[in-house]
Amino acid sequence: MRKIFLAISCCLFALTSCEIDNYEGPDASIHGYILDEKTGDPVGTDIQNGSAIIVVEQGWANPQDQTWSIMNTGEYRNDMIFSATYDIRFENCNFYPFSIDDFVVKEGNNEYNFEVTPYIRVLNSSITKNGNTITATFSLEGGKDEVKLKEIQLFAFGDKWVGNNVKYTLEGTGHVQTFNPSIAIDPTTTYTLTIDLTENASIFPYAKNYYFRIGALADVSGVGTVRYNYAEPLTVIKLNE
């Protein structure tokens, strides 16, 4: 009798453990761009530790923050979310923080562009190779009058994810300028940054495409962590041909 009882108990346990839950999976997707409200251009960021969208789904007793990543092109995409009403926050980005309450995501595909005020616009950018020198020229414009300039830098890397957090460590000082104290942004000023390829021969050893990107770091108080603003698009130069 004891053996029969144990056998029945094991069968009941197996049936219970194999029971399919009734929770439905994600039924929506959303995509779009982070756009400069003035120019309409995408506001790119760093693929690692860059700007992000913080969302909280309404209707839960203890809602948790979710993060929708923003790509270096300024595009965002999430193909596995639930149709629901969300509260959205933008904080610690490369544009002024703001929030949106009662943001509705419908079942199926959703497309929405967020308009923002970047801390700095990198304008009139050009990156060229002249002999053994990579030269970047550009101008800057503050998103608001209060914005000051803390640093400018020409980043380089072996793929398109180049930025402040994905970059080569370059020799020399021509690729970066730091301002201490931070300076006012003059839109009539043309800035120049350079990379000496001879000095960095070990960094660019192969005949291949390398990616270059101009970045500017703002100094703004009371907005949280400030991240780099970038010129878009990336510049691709094939070296050592």
Foldseek 3Di string as FASTA:
>chain_A
DVVVVVVVVVVVVVVVVPDDDDDDWAQEKEKEFAAAPVPRAGWFWAQPPAWWKWKWFPDDPDTDIDIFGAHRRRMTIDGTHHFGFIKIWTAQHQFFIDIDGRHTTHGYYYYDYHHTQGQKDWAPWDWDDDPQKIKIKTAMDGSDQQKFFFKKFKFKDADQSIDPVGGDDADDDQGMDGDVVTGGGDRVDMDMGMGGCVRVCVRQVDQDKMKIWMWTWIDDPDGHNHGITTDDDIDIDGPDD
